[in-house]
Amino acid sequence: MSEKEIIIKEDFIRLDSLMKLSDAVVTGGHAKIVIQNGEVKVNGEVCTQRGKKMREGDFFTFDGLKVTVKKC
């Protein structure tokens, strides 16, 4: 599994936006589909909320990629 860290300035970022920013998906539509299909795990549990607020320390896994949120 490959891992990435995404640094944000805000308090949170939406899961679908984080997936696009980290290049886990190409489009927001793709993010919506894989999230709603239950293919994405947030902090180890399946998440079907594309608007899930991801804060520092949170992570998602999808398709062999783990992305962790860091705040600057």
N, C-alpha and C. Protein backbone atom coordinates (compact mmCIF):
# COMPACT_ATOMS: atom_id res chain seq x y z
N MET A 1 0.85 -1.19 0.00
CA MET A 1 0.00 0.00 0.00
C MET A 1 0.89 1.25 0.00
N SER A 2 0.61 2.16 -0.91
CA SER A 2 1.36 3.41 -0.92
C SER A 2 0.66 4.41 0.00
N GLU A 3 1.46 5.35 0.51
CA GLU A 3 0.92 6.33 1.45
C GLU A 3 1.27 7.74 1.02
N LYS A 4 0.35 8.68 1.30
CA LYS A 4 0.56 10.09 1.01
C LYS A 4 0.07 10.90 2.21
N GLU A 5 0.64 12.09 2.35
CA GLU A 5 0.14 13.06 3.32
C GLU A 5 -0.30 14.29 2.55
N ILE A 6 -1.46 14.79 2.86
CA ILE A 6 -1.96 16.02 2.25
C ILE A 6 -2.03 17.07 3.34
N ILE A 7 -1.40 18.20 3.09
CA ILE A 7 -1.37 19.29 4.08
C ILE A 7 -2.45 20.30 3.74
N ILE A 8 -3.27 20.63 4.73
CA ILE A 8 -4.34 21.61 4.54
C ILE A 8 -4.13 22.79 5.49
N LYS A 9 -4.67 23.93 5.11
CA LYS A 9 -4.59 25.13 5.95
C LYS A 9 -5.87 25.31 6.77
N GLU A 10 -6.98 24.79 6.23
CA GLU A 10 -8.27 24.93 6.89
C GLU A 10 -8.40 23.89 8.01
N ASP A 11 -9.50 23.96 8.75
CA ASP A 11 -9.74 23.00 9.83
C ASP A 11 -10.12 21.63 9.30
N PHE A 12 -10.73 21.59 8.10
CA PHE A 12 -11.14 20.31 7.53
C PHE A 12 -11.20 20.42 6.02
N ILE A 13 -11.30 19.25 5.38
CA ILE A 13 -11.50 19.15 3.94
C ILE A 13 -12.50 18.02 3.72
N ARG A 14 -13.39 18.19 2.75
CA ARG A 14 -14.37 17.15 2.45
C ARG A 14 -13.67 15.94 1.85
N LEU A 15 -14.20 14.76 2.15
CA LEU A 15 -13.61 13.53 1.66
C LEU A 15 -13.48 13.51 0.14
N ASP A 16 -14.53 13.90 -0.57
CA ASP A 16 -14.45 13.86 -2.04
C ASP A 16 -13.39 14.81 -2.57
N SER A 17 -13.25 15.98 -1.95
CA SER A 17 -12.22 16.94 -2.35
C SER A 17 -10.82 16.40 -2.04
N LEU A 18 -10.68 15.75 -0.91
CA LEU A 18 -9.40 15.16 -0.53
C LEU A 18 -9.00 14.06 -1.51
N MET A 19 -9.97 13.28 -1.95
CA MET A 19 -9.67 12.22 -2.91
C MET A 19 -9.18 12.80 -4.23
N LYS A 20 -9.78 13.90 -4.68
CA LYS A 20 -9.33 14.54 -5.92
C LYS A 20 -7.95 15.16 -5.72
N LEU A 21 -7.76 15.85 -4.61
CA LEU A 21 -6.49 16.53 -4.34
C LEU A 21 -5.32 15.54 -4.26
N SER A 22 -5.59 14.36 -3.76
CA SER A 22 -4.53 13.36 -3.60
C SER A 22 -4.36 12.47 -4.84
N ASP A 23 -5.12 12.76 -5.89
CA ASP A 23 -5.07 11.99 -7.14
C ASP A 23 -5.53 10.54 -6.98
N ALA A 24 -6.34 10.27 -5.95
CA ALA A 24 -6.90 8.93 -5.79
C ALA A 24 -7.98 8.70 -6.85
N VAL A 25 -8.62 9.78 -7.27
CA VAL A 25 -9.63 9.75 -8.34
C VAL A 25 -9.36 10.93 -9.27
N VAL A 26 -9.92 10.86 -10.46
CA VAL A 26 -9.69 11.92 -11.45
C VAL A 26 -10.73 13.03 -11.34
N THR A 27 -11.97 12.64 -11.06
CA THR A 27 -13.06 13.62 -11.01
C THR A 27 -13.88 13.49 -9.74
N GLY A 28 -14.64 14.53 -9.45
CA GLY A 28 -15.55 14.48 -8.32
C GLY A 28 -16.63 13.43 -8.51
N GLY A 29 -17.04 13.24 -9.75
CA GLY A 29 -18.04 12.21 -10.05
C GLY A 29 -17.53 10.82 -9.73
N HIS A 30 -16.27 10.57 -10.05
CA HIS A 30 -15.67 9.27 -9.73
C HIS A 30 -15.61 9.09 -8.22
N ALA A 31 -15.22 10.15 -7.50
CA ALA A 31 -15.18 10.09 -6.03
C ALA A 31 -16.55 9.75 -5.47
N LYS A 32 -17.59 10.41 -5.99
CA LYS A 32 -18.95 10.17 -5.52
C LYS A 32 -19.34 8.70 -5.69
N ILE A 33 -19.02 8.13 -6.84
CA ILE A 33 -19.39 6.75 -7.12
C ILE A 33 -18.69 5.77 -6.18
N VAL A 34 -17.36 5.91 -6.05
CA VAL A 34 -16.64 4.94 -5.22
C VAL A 34 -16.99 5.08 -3.74
N ILE A 35 -17.28 6.30 -3.30
CA ILE A 35 -17.68 6.51 -1.90
C ILE A 35 -19.06 5.88 -1.66
N GLN A 36 -20.00 6.17 -2.54
CA GLN A 36 -21.36 5.64 -2.37
C GLN A 36 -21.40 4.12 -2.53
N ASN A 37 -20.47 3.55 -3.26
CA ASN A 37 -20.40 2.09 -3.42
C ASN A 37 -19.72 1.40 -2.24
N GLY A 38 -19.24 2.18 -1.26
CA GLY A 38 -18.62 1.59 -0.08
C GLY A 38 -17.19 1.12 -0.31
N GLU A 39 -16.52 1.67 -1.31
CA GLU A 39 -15.16 1.26 -1.63
C GLU A 39 -14.09 2.03 -0.85
N VAL A 40 -14.50 3.04 -0.10
CA VAL A 40 -13.56 3.91 0.61
C VAL A 40 -13.72 3.71 2.11
N LYS A 41 -12.58 3.58 2.79
CA LYS A 41 -12.59 3.49 4.25
C LYS A 41 -11.98 4.76 4.83
N VAL A 42 -12.63 5.27 5.88
CA VAL A 42 -12.12 6.44 6.61
C VAL A 42 -11.79 5.98 8.01
N ASN A 43 -10.55 6.18 8.40
CA ASN A 43 -10.07 5.75 9.72
C ASN A 43 -10.40 4.28 9.98
N GLY A 44 -10.30 3.47 8.91
CA GLY A 44 -10.47 2.03 9.04
C GLY A 44 -11.89 1.50 8.88
N GLU A 45 -12.88 2.40 8.71
CA GLU A 45 -14.27 1.97 8.58
C GLU A 45 -14.85 2.46 7.26
N VAL A 46 -15.70 1.65 6.65
CA VAL A 46 -16.33 2.05 5.39
C VAL A 46 -17.12 3.33 5.60
N CYS A 47 -16.94 4.28 4.67
CA CYS A 47 -17.64 5.57 4.75
C CYS A 47 -18.38 5.81 3.43
N THR A 48 -19.66 6.14 3.52
CA THR A 48 -20.44 6.41 2.32
C THR A 48 -20.87 7.88 2.24
N GLN A 49 -20.27 8.73 3.06
CA GLN A 49 -20.59 10.17 3.06
C GLN A 49 -19.50 10.91 2.29
N ARG A 50 -19.83 11.39 1.08
CA ARG A 50 -18.80 12.07 0.31
C ARG A 50 -18.44 13.43 0.91
N GLY A 51 -19.33 14.02 1.69
CA GLY A 51 -19.07 15.29 2.34
C GLY A 51 -18.44 15.16 3.72
N LYS A 52 -18.02 13.95 4.07
CA LYS A 52 -17.40 13.69 5.38
C LYS A 52 -16.27 14.68 5.62
N LYS A 53 -16.29 15.32 6.77
CA LYS A 53 -15.24 16.29 7.11
C LYS A 53 -14.00 15.55 7.60
N MET A 54 -12.92 15.72 6.88
CA MET A 54 -11.65 15.09 7.22
C MET A 54 -10.77 16.12 7.92
N ARG A 55 -10.37 15.80 9.14
CA ARG A 55 -9.56 16.72 9.94
C ARG A 55 -8.16 16.15 10.13
N GLU A 56 -7.27 16.93 10.71
CA GLU A 56 -5.89 16.49 10.92
C GLU A 56 -5.86 15.13 11.62
N GLY A 57 -5.06 14.23 11.07
CA GLY A 57 -4.93 12.90 11.64
C GLY A 57 -5.87 11.87 11.02
N ASP A 58 -6.94 12.34 10.38
CA ASP A 58 -7.85 11.41 9.69
C ASP A 58 -7.17 10.87 8.44
N PHE A 59 -7.58 9.68 8.01
CA PHE A 59 -7.04 9.12 6.79
C PHE A 59 -8.12 8.32 6.06
N PHE A 60 -7.93 8.19 4.76
CA PHE A 60 -8.78 7.29 3.99
C PHE A 60 -7.91 6.30 3.24
N THR A 61 -8.50 5.15 2.95
CA THR A 61 -7.83 4.15 2.12
C THR A 61 -8.76 3.82 0.96
N PHE A 62 -8.14 3.68 -0.21
CA PHE A 62 -8.88 3.34 -1.42
C PHE A 62 -7.91 2.81 -2.46
N ASP A 63 -8.21 1.66 -3.02
CA ASP A 63 -7.46 1.13 -4.16
C ASP A 63 -5.95 1.07 -3.90
N GLY A 64 -5.55 0.60 -2.71
CA GLY A 64 -4.14 0.45 -2.39
C GLY A 64 -3.42 1.72 -2.00
N LEU A 65 -4.18 2.78 -1.74
CA LEU A 65 -3.60 4.07 -1.35
C LEU A 65 -4.13 4.49 0.02
N LYS A 66 -3.25 4.98 0.87
CA LYS A 66 -3.65 5.54 2.16
C LYS A 66 -3.24 7.01 2.17
N VAL A 67 -4.21 7.89 2.44
CA VAL A 67 -3.96 9.32 2.46
C VAL A 67 -4.32 9.86 3.83
N THR A 68 -3.35 10.54 4.46
CA THR A 68 -3.53 11.10 5.80
C THR A 68 -3.55 12.63 5.70
N VAL A 69 -4.42 13.26 6.49
CA VAL A 69 -4.54 14.72 6.51
C VAL A 69 -3.61 15.28 7.58
N LYS A 70 -2.83 16.28 7.18
CA LYS A 70 -1.97 17.04 8.10
C LYS A 70 -2.36 18.50 7.99
N LYS A 71 -2.23 19.22 9.08
CA LYS A 71 -2.56 20.65 9.07
C LYS A 71 -1.27 21.44 9.27
N CYS A 72 -1.12 22.50 8.47
CA CYS A 72 0.09 23.31 8.61
C CYS A 72 -0.12 24.44 9.59
